[in-house]
Protein backbone atom coordinates (compact mmCIF):
# COMPACT_ATOMS: atom_id res chain seq x y z
CA MET A 1 111.39 77.30 112.67
CA GLN A 2 108.07 77.72 114.33
CA LEU A 3 105.18 79.33 113.47
CA TYR A 4 103.92 82.76 114.97
CA GLU A 5 100.67 84.72 115.00
CA PHE A 6 100.20 88.30 114.04
CA LYS A 7 97.01 90.33 113.71
CA LEU A 8 96.88 93.01 111.51
CA PRO A 9 95.89 96.42 112.49
CA ALA A 10 91.78 97.46 112.19
CA THR A 11 92.36 100.20 109.35
CA LEU A 12 95.35 99.00 106.85
CA ASN A 13 96.31 101.68 104.41
CA LYS A 14 99.30 104.53 102.82
CA ASN A 15 99.09 105.56 107.34
CA ASN A 16 100.80 102.29 108.54
CA VAL A 17 101.07 100.37 105.59
CA ALA A 18 105.37 100.76 106.56
CA SER A 19 105.48 100.17 109.76
CA VAL A 20 103.48 97.28 109.45
CA LEU A 21 104.77 96.14 107.14
CA LYS A 22 108.81 96.82 109.67
CA VAL A 23 107.13 94.15 112.19
CA ILE A 24 106.84 91.38 110.02
CA ASP A 25 109.68 91.61 108.37
CA LEU A 26 111.17 92.36 112.29
CA LYS A 27 109.34 89.00 113.18
CA LEU A 28 109.98 86.52 109.63
CA GLN A 29 113.97 86.99 111.13
CA SER A 30 113.16 84.71 113.31
CA SER A 31 110.43 82.58 112.41
CA SER A 32 107.32 81.44 110.35
CA LEU A 33 104.42 83.94 110.19
CA GLU A 34 100.72 83.00 110.29
CA VAL A 35 98.72 86.87 109.36
CA LYS A 36 95.12 87.37 110.19
CA CYS A 37 93.51 89.35 108.42
CA ASP A 38 90.06 89.01 110.60
CA ASP A 39 90.57 92.26 112.52
CA VAL A 40 90.86 94.52 108.72
CA VAL A 41 87.94 96.52 109.16
CA SER A 42 89.05 99.13 106.52
CA ILE A 43 92.16 98.92 103.85
CA ASP A 44 92.93 101.34 101.01
CA SER A 45 94.76 100.46 97.74
CA SER A 46 97.69 100.53 100.55
CA GLY A 47 96.73 98.17 102.36
CA ILE A 48 96.07 95.38 99.55
CA ALA A 49 99.64 96.37 97.90
CA LEU A 50 100.76 94.93 100.63
CA LEU A 51 99.96 91.45 101.00
CA ILE A 52 99.88 90.81 96.94
CA TYR A 53 103.44 91.89 98.29
CA LEU A 54 104.15 89.08 101.35
CA THR A 55 102.51 86.77 99.31
CA ASN A 56 104.23 87.82 95.97
CA SER A 57 108.11 87.76 97.77
CA GLU A 58 110.67 86.29 99.52
CA TYR A 59 107.96 85.78 101.94
CA LYS A 60 105.17 83.68 100.77
CA THR A 61 108.04 80.76 102.30
CA LYS A 62 107.45 82.06 105.78
CA LEU A 63 104.23 84.17 105.30
CA LYS A 64 101.19 82.37 105.08
CA LEU A 65 97.62 84.90 105.18
CA SER A 66 94.93 83.47 107.36
CA ASN A 67 91.29 84.16 107.82
CA ILE A 68 91.13 86.65 104.92
CA ASN A 69 87.62 89.14 105.20
CA THR A 70 85.06 89.94 102.66
CA LYS A 71 86.23 93.80 103.40
CA ILE A 72 89.44 92.83 101.74
CA LEU A 73 88.69 90.20 99.18
CA GLU A 74 85.93 92.61 97.67
CA LEU A 75 88.43 94.65 97.48
CA CYS A 76 90.75 92.63 95.73
CA GLN A 77 87.64 92.10 93.85
CA LEU A 78 87.31 95.49 92.84
CA TYR A 79 91.08 95.38 91.70
CA HIS A 80 91.01 92.06 90.25
CA VAL A 81 93.78 91.15 92.36
CA ASP A 82 93.63 87.33 93.82
CA LEU A 83 95.22 86.58 97.24
CA SER A 84 94.19 82.69 97.01
CA ASN A 85 98.04 81.47 96.56
CA ALA A 86 98.28 83.25 100.16
């Protein structure tokens, strides 16, 4: 199975996490996916919840998070979340 890239949007929040998950769902039906996080400049708790879900669900065998930036890591620290297994 081929590995494709998907860039997360600059803003990842309650207004778009459902649509982002739908896109990821569709892409994972036919391939493995590298989800690039470096463009994220604004993220809220629902964005963090999405990342946790992606790394702790049936997706984890077909999905890899990459380029997790400082914004995301700072919010993860605040919530005591570890994405190192991503």
